[in-house]
Amino acid sequence: MAARKKARRTTHRSSSGKKLYAVRDRKGRFKDIQQYSRAHRMDLQRTSKSEAAAAGKKKPKKTAKRVAKKATAARKSVRRSARKTVRAVRKSIRKVVRRARKAVRK
């Protein structure tokens, strides 16, 4: 069997002037047309097999991100409740001071 041709992209321009990629299938027919900026961004995000093997890295698990998110949310709620208690204590101190001042005036 002969070696198959790799799927290629051809550049075009839209009516507004944006650069486009026309993605072709192996037979050369148009499969998809996408904006160059979006296609390029996706290309940069992807890591090739050789890059992944060279780095020897594993993809970070999503669960770690979720755990970190929950931890920060918990910290925020603790801070909020701490602020509320501090405010309540200050308010009660103010009340006591006011009453004491009133008593001294009389």
N, C-alpha and C. Protein backbone atom coordinates (compact mmCIF):
# COMPACT_ATOMS: atom_id res chain seq x y z
N MET A 1 0.83 -1.19 0.00
CA MET A 1 0.00 0.00 0.00
C MET A 1 0.88 1.25 0.00
N ALA A 2 0.53 2.23 -0.77
CA ALA A 2 1.30 3.47 -0.84
C ALA A 2 1.07 4.30 0.40
N ALA A 3 2.06 5.11 0.76
CA ALA A 3 1.95 5.97 1.93
C ALA A 3 0.88 7.02 1.70
N ARG A 4 0.04 7.22 2.70
CA ARG A 4 -1.04 8.20 2.57
C ARG A 4 -0.50 9.60 2.82
N LYS A 5 -1.10 10.56 2.11
CA LYS A 5 -0.71 11.94 2.31
C LYS A 5 -1.29 12.47 3.61
N LYS A 6 -0.53 13.31 4.29
CA LYS A 6 -0.98 13.92 5.52
C LYS A 6 -2.04 14.98 5.21
N ALA A 7 -3.04 15.11 6.08
CA ALA A 7 -4.07 16.14 5.90
C ALA A 7 -3.41 17.51 6.02
N ARG A 8 -3.70 18.42 5.11
CA ARG A 8 -3.03 19.73 5.08
C ARG A 8 -4.05 20.86 5.24
N ARG A 9 -3.50 22.03 5.46
CA ARG A 9 -4.33 23.23 5.56
C ARG A 9 -3.91 24.21 4.48
N THR A 10 -4.88 24.89 3.93
CA THR A 10 -4.61 25.91 2.94
C THR A 10 -5.10 27.24 3.51
N THR A 11 -4.33 28.32 3.30
CA THR A 11 -4.75 29.60 3.86
C THR A 11 -5.58 30.38 2.85
N HIS A 12 -6.59 31.05 3.37
CA HIS A 12 -7.45 31.93 2.58
C HIS A 12 -7.71 33.16 3.43
N ARG A 13 -8.46 34.11 2.87
CA ARG A 13 -8.87 35.29 3.64
C ARG A 13 -10.38 35.42 3.55
N SER A 14 -10.98 35.81 4.67
CA SER A 14 -12.43 36.01 4.69
C SER A 14 -12.76 37.37 4.09
N SER A 15 -14.04 37.65 3.92
CA SER A 15 -14.45 38.94 3.35
C SER A 15 -14.05 40.09 4.25
N SER A 16 -13.98 39.82 5.57
CA SER A 16 -13.58 40.88 6.49
C SER A 16 -12.06 41.03 6.58
N GLY A 17 -11.34 40.10 5.97
CA GLY A 17 -9.89 40.22 5.93
C GLY A 17 -9.16 39.31 6.90
N LYS A 18 -9.91 38.53 7.69
CA LYS A 18 -9.26 37.61 8.63
C LYS A 18 -8.68 36.42 7.88
N LYS A 19 -7.54 35.96 8.38
CA LYS A 19 -6.89 34.82 7.75
C LYS A 19 -7.64 33.54 8.11
N LEU A 20 -7.86 32.68 7.14
CA LEU A 20 -8.59 31.44 7.36
C LEU A 20 -7.72 30.24 7.00
N TYR A 21 -8.02 29.12 7.63
CA TYR A 21 -7.41 27.85 7.27
C TYR A 21 -8.49 26.97 6.68
N ALA A 22 -8.26 26.42 5.51
CA ALA A 22 -9.17 25.44 4.95
C ALA A 22 -8.53 24.09 5.21
N VAL A 23 -9.14 23.32 6.08
CA VAL A 23 -8.61 22.00 6.43
C VAL A 23 -9.12 21.01 5.39
N ARG A 24 -8.19 20.26 4.84
CA ARG A 24 -8.56 19.29 3.80
C ARG A 24 -8.40 17.88 4.36
N ASP A 25 -9.17 16.96 3.80
CA ASP A 25 -8.99 15.57 4.21
C ASP A 25 -7.86 14.96 3.37
N ARG A 26 -7.62 13.69 3.53
CA ARG A 26 -6.49 13.04 2.85
C ARG A 26 -6.65 13.03 1.33
N LYS A 27 -7.89 13.10 0.86
CA LYS A 27 -8.12 13.11 -0.59
C LYS A 27 -8.00 14.51 -1.17
N GLY A 28 -7.88 15.52 -0.31
CA GLY A 28 -7.73 16.89 -0.79
C GLY A 28 -9.00 17.70 -0.80
N ARG A 29 -10.11 17.10 -0.37
CA ARG A 29 -11.38 17.83 -0.33
C ARG A 29 -11.47 18.66 0.96
N PHE A 30 -12.22 19.78 0.89
CA PHE A 30 -12.37 20.61 2.08
C PHE A 30 -13.16 19.85 3.16
N LYS A 31 -12.60 19.81 4.33
CA LYS A 31 -13.28 19.16 5.44
C LYS A 31 -13.86 20.20 6.39
N ASP A 32 -13.09 21.30 6.61
CA ASP A 32 -13.52 22.32 7.56
C ASP A 32 -12.79 23.61 7.24
N ILE A 33 -13.44 24.74 7.50
CA ILE A 33 -12.77 26.03 7.35
C ILE A 33 -12.82 26.70 8.71
N GLN A 34 -11.66 27.13 9.22
CA GLN A 34 -11.59 27.73 10.54
C GLN A 34 -10.69 28.96 10.51
N GLN A 35 -10.91 29.86 11.46
CA GLN A 35 -10.07 31.05 11.53
C GLN A 35 -8.65 30.66 11.90
N TYR A 36 -7.70 31.32 11.30
CA TYR A 36 -6.29 31.03 11.56
C TYR A 36 -5.97 31.21 13.05
N SER A 37 -6.48 32.30 13.65
CA SER A 37 -6.16 32.61 15.05
C SER A 37 -6.60 31.48 15.97
N ARG A 38 -7.80 30.94 15.73
CA ARG A 38 -8.32 29.86 16.58
C ARG A 38 -7.53 28.58 16.35
N ALA A 39 -7.26 28.28 15.09
CA ALA A 39 -6.52 27.05 14.77
C ALA A 39 -5.12 27.11 15.35
N HIS A 40 -4.48 28.27 15.23
CA HIS A 40 -3.12 28.44 15.73
C HIS A 40 -3.08 28.28 17.25
N ARG A 41 -4.08 28.87 17.92
CA ARG A 41 -4.17 28.76 19.37
C ARG A 41 -4.30 27.31 19.80
N MET A 42 -5.11 26.55 19.08
CA MET A 42 -5.29 25.13 19.39
C MET A 42 -4.00 24.36 19.16
N ASP A 43 -3.29 24.71 18.11
CA ASP A 43 -2.02 24.05 17.82
C ASP A 43 -1.02 24.29 18.94
N LEU A 44 -1.01 25.51 19.47
CA LEU A 44 -0.08 25.83 20.55
C LEU A 44 -0.44 25.10 21.84
N GLN A 45 -1.74 24.89 22.06
CA GLN A 45 -2.18 24.22 23.27
C GLN A 45 -1.82 22.73 23.25
N ARG A 46 -1.89 22.13 22.07
CA ARG A 46 -1.61 20.70 21.97
C ARG A 46 -0.13 20.42 22.16
N THR A 47 0.18 19.32 22.84
CA THR A 47 1.56 18.88 22.93
C THR A 47 1.70 17.63 22.08
N SER A 48 2.76 17.57 21.31
CA SER A 48 2.96 16.42 20.43
C SER A 48 3.41 15.22 21.26
N LYS A 49 3.34 14.03 20.65
CA LYS A 49 3.76 12.82 21.35
C LYS A 49 5.23 12.90 21.71
N SER A 50 6.03 13.45 20.79
CA SER A 50 7.47 13.53 21.05
C SER A 50 7.77 14.50 22.19
N GLU A 51 7.05 15.63 22.24
CA GLU A 51 7.25 16.59 23.32
C GLU A 51 6.88 15.98 24.67
N ALA A 52 5.76 15.26 24.68
CA ALA A 52 5.30 14.65 25.92
C ALA A 52 6.29 13.59 26.40
N ALA A 53 6.81 12.81 25.45
CA ALA A 53 7.77 11.76 25.81
C ALA A 53 9.08 12.38 26.31
N ALA A 54 9.50 13.46 25.66
CA ALA A 54 10.75 14.12 26.05
C ALA A 54 10.63 14.72 27.45
N ALA A 55 9.51 15.32 27.73
CA ALA A 55 9.31 15.94 29.03
C ALA A 55 9.04 14.88 30.10
N GLY A 56 8.47 13.77 29.66
CA GLY A 56 8.16 12.70 30.61
C GLY A 56 7.15 13.13 31.65
N LYS A 57 6.29 14.02 31.22
CA LYS A 57 5.33 14.56 32.18
C LYS A 57 3.98 13.89 32.03
N LYS A 58 3.25 13.88 33.13
CA LYS A 58 1.89 13.38 33.12
C LYS A 58 0.96 14.58 33.21
N LYS A 59 -0.21 14.45 32.63
CA LYS A 59 -1.17 15.54 32.72
C LYS A 59 -1.65 15.65 34.16
N PRO A 60 -1.76 16.88 34.69
CA PRO A 60 -2.24 17.03 36.06
C PRO A 60 -3.70 16.60 36.15
N LYS A 61 -4.02 15.95 37.24
CA LYS A 61 -5.39 15.48 37.41
C LYS A 61 -6.30 16.65 37.73
N LYS A 62 -7.51 16.57 37.22
CA LYS A 62 -8.47 17.64 37.46
C LYS A 62 -8.90 17.66 38.92
N THR A 63 -8.84 16.50 39.57
CA THR A 63 -9.27 16.44 40.96
C THR A 63 -8.41 17.33 41.84
N ALA A 64 -7.14 17.45 41.53
CA ALA A 64 -6.26 18.32 42.31
C ALA A 64 -6.73 19.76 42.23
N LYS A 65 -7.16 20.17 41.03
CA LYS A 65 -7.65 21.53 40.85
C LYS A 65 -8.92 21.73 41.68
N ARG A 66 -9.80 20.72 41.66
CA ARG A 66 -11.05 20.83 42.41
C ARG A 66 -10.78 20.94 43.90
N VAL A 67 -9.86 20.13 44.39
CA VAL A 67 -9.52 20.15 45.81
C VAL A 67 -8.98 21.53 46.19
N ALA A 68 -8.11 22.08 45.33
CA ALA A 68 -7.55 23.40 45.60
C ALA A 68 -8.65 24.46 45.63
N LYS A 69 -9.60 24.35 44.70
CA LYS A 69 -10.71 25.30 44.64
C LYS A 69 -11.53 25.24 45.92
N LYS A 70 -11.82 24.00 46.36
CA LYS A 70 -12.62 23.84 47.58
C LYS A 70 -11.88 24.41 48.78
N ALA A 71 -10.57 24.19 48.84
CA ALA A 71 -9.78 24.69 49.96
C ALA A 71 -9.81 26.21 50.01
N THR A 72 -9.68 26.85 48.85
CA THR A 72 -9.71 28.32 48.84
C THR A 72 -11.10 28.82 49.22
N ALA A 73 -12.15 28.12 48.76
CA ALA A 73 -13.51 28.52 49.12
C ALA A 73 -13.72 28.39 50.63
N ALA A 74 -13.18 27.31 51.21
CA ALA A 74 -13.31 27.11 52.65
C ALA A 74 -12.59 28.21 53.41
N ARG A 75 -11.38 28.57 52.93
CA ARG A 75 -10.62 29.64 53.58
C ARG A 75 -11.40 30.95 53.53
N LYS A 76 -12.00 31.22 52.37
CA LYS A 76 -12.77 32.46 52.23
C LYS A 76 -13.94 32.49 53.21
N SER A 77 -14.65 31.36 53.33
CA SER A 77 -15.81 31.34 54.23
C SER A 77 -15.36 31.50 55.69
N VAL A 78 -14.21 30.92 56.04
CA VAL A 78 -13.69 31.09 57.40
C VAL A 78 -13.36 32.56 57.64
N ARG A 79 -12.73 33.18 56.65
CA ARG A 79 -12.40 34.61 56.79
C ARG A 79 -13.65 35.44 56.97
N ARG A 80 -14.68 35.13 56.16
CA ARG A 80 -15.94 35.88 56.25
C ARG A 80 -16.53 35.76 57.64
N SER A 81 -16.60 34.54 58.14
CA SER A 81 -17.21 34.34 59.46
C SER A 81 -16.37 35.02 60.54
N ALA A 82 -15.04 34.99 60.38
CA ALA A 82 -14.17 35.67 61.34
C ALA A 82 -14.44 37.16 61.32
N ARG A 83 -14.59 37.73 60.13
CA ARG A 83 -14.89 39.16 60.02
C ARG A 83 -16.20 39.49 60.71
N LYS A 84 -17.22 38.63 60.49
CA LYS A 84 -18.52 38.87 61.10
C LYS A 84 -18.43 38.88 62.62
N THR A 85 -17.68 37.91 63.17
CA THR A 85 -17.56 37.87 64.62
C THR A 85 -16.80 39.08 65.14
N VAL A 86 -15.77 39.50 64.43
CA VAL A 86 -15.01 40.69 64.84
C VAL A 86 -15.92 41.90 64.83
N ARG A 87 -16.73 42.03 63.79
CA ARG A 87 -17.67 43.16 63.71
C ARG A 87 -18.65 43.14 64.88
N ALA A 88 -19.17 41.94 65.18
CA ALA A 88 -20.14 41.81 66.27
C ALA A 88 -19.50 42.20 67.60
N VAL A 89 -18.28 41.75 67.82
CA VAL A 89 -17.58 42.09 69.07
C VAL A 89 -17.36 43.59 69.17
N ARG A 90 -16.91 44.20 68.08
CA ARG A 90 -16.70 45.66 68.10
C ARG A 90 -17.99 46.40 68.40
N LYS A 91 -19.08 45.93 67.79
CA LYS A 91 -20.38 46.57 67.98
C LYS A 91 -20.80 46.50 69.44
N SER A 92 -20.61 45.31 70.04
CA SER A 92 -21.00 45.16 71.45
C SER A 92 -20.12 46.03 72.36
N ILE A 93 -18.83 46.15 72.02
CA ILE A 93 -17.93 47.01 72.80
C ILE A 93 -18.39 48.45 72.73
N ARG A 94 -18.77 48.89 71.50
CA ARG A 94 -19.27 50.26 71.34
C ARG A 94 -20.49 50.51 72.22
N LYS A 95 -21.41 49.52 72.24
CA LYS A 95 -22.62 49.67 73.06
C LYS A 95 -22.27 49.84 74.54
N VAL A 96 -21.35 48.99 75.00
CA VAL A 96 -20.95 49.05 76.41
C VAL A 96 -20.32 50.42 76.72
N VAL A 97 -19.47 50.91 75.82
CA VAL A 97 -18.80 52.20 76.03
C VAL A 97 -19.84 53.32 76.06
N ARG A 98 -20.81 53.28 75.16
CA ARG A 98 -21.86 54.30 75.14
C ARG A 98 -22.64 54.32 76.45
N ARG A 99 -23.02 53.12 76.92
CA ARG A 99 -23.78 53.03 78.17
C ARG A 99 -22.96 53.59 79.34
N ALA A 100 -21.67 53.25 79.33
CA ALA A 100 -20.80 53.74 80.41
C ALA A 100 -20.71 55.26 80.37
N ARG A 101 -20.59 55.85 79.19
CA ARG A 101 -20.51 57.31 79.06
C ARG A 101 -21.80 57.95 79.54
N LYS A 102 -22.95 57.34 79.17
CA LYS A 102 -24.26 57.87 79.60
C LYS A 102 -24.36 57.86 81.12
N ALA A 103 -23.89 56.76 81.69
CA ALA A 103 -23.95 56.62 83.15
C ALA A 103 -23.08 57.66 83.83
N VAL A 104 -21.92 57.94 83.25
CA VAL A 104 -21.01 58.94 83.83
C VAL A 104 -21.61 60.32 83.73
N ARG A 105 -22.31 60.65 82.63
CA ARG A 105 -22.94 61.97 82.45
C ARG A 105 -24.00 62.23 83.50
N LYS A 106 -24.77 61.16 83.81
CA LYS A 106 -25.88 61.33 84.76
C LYS A 106 -25.28 61.48 86.12
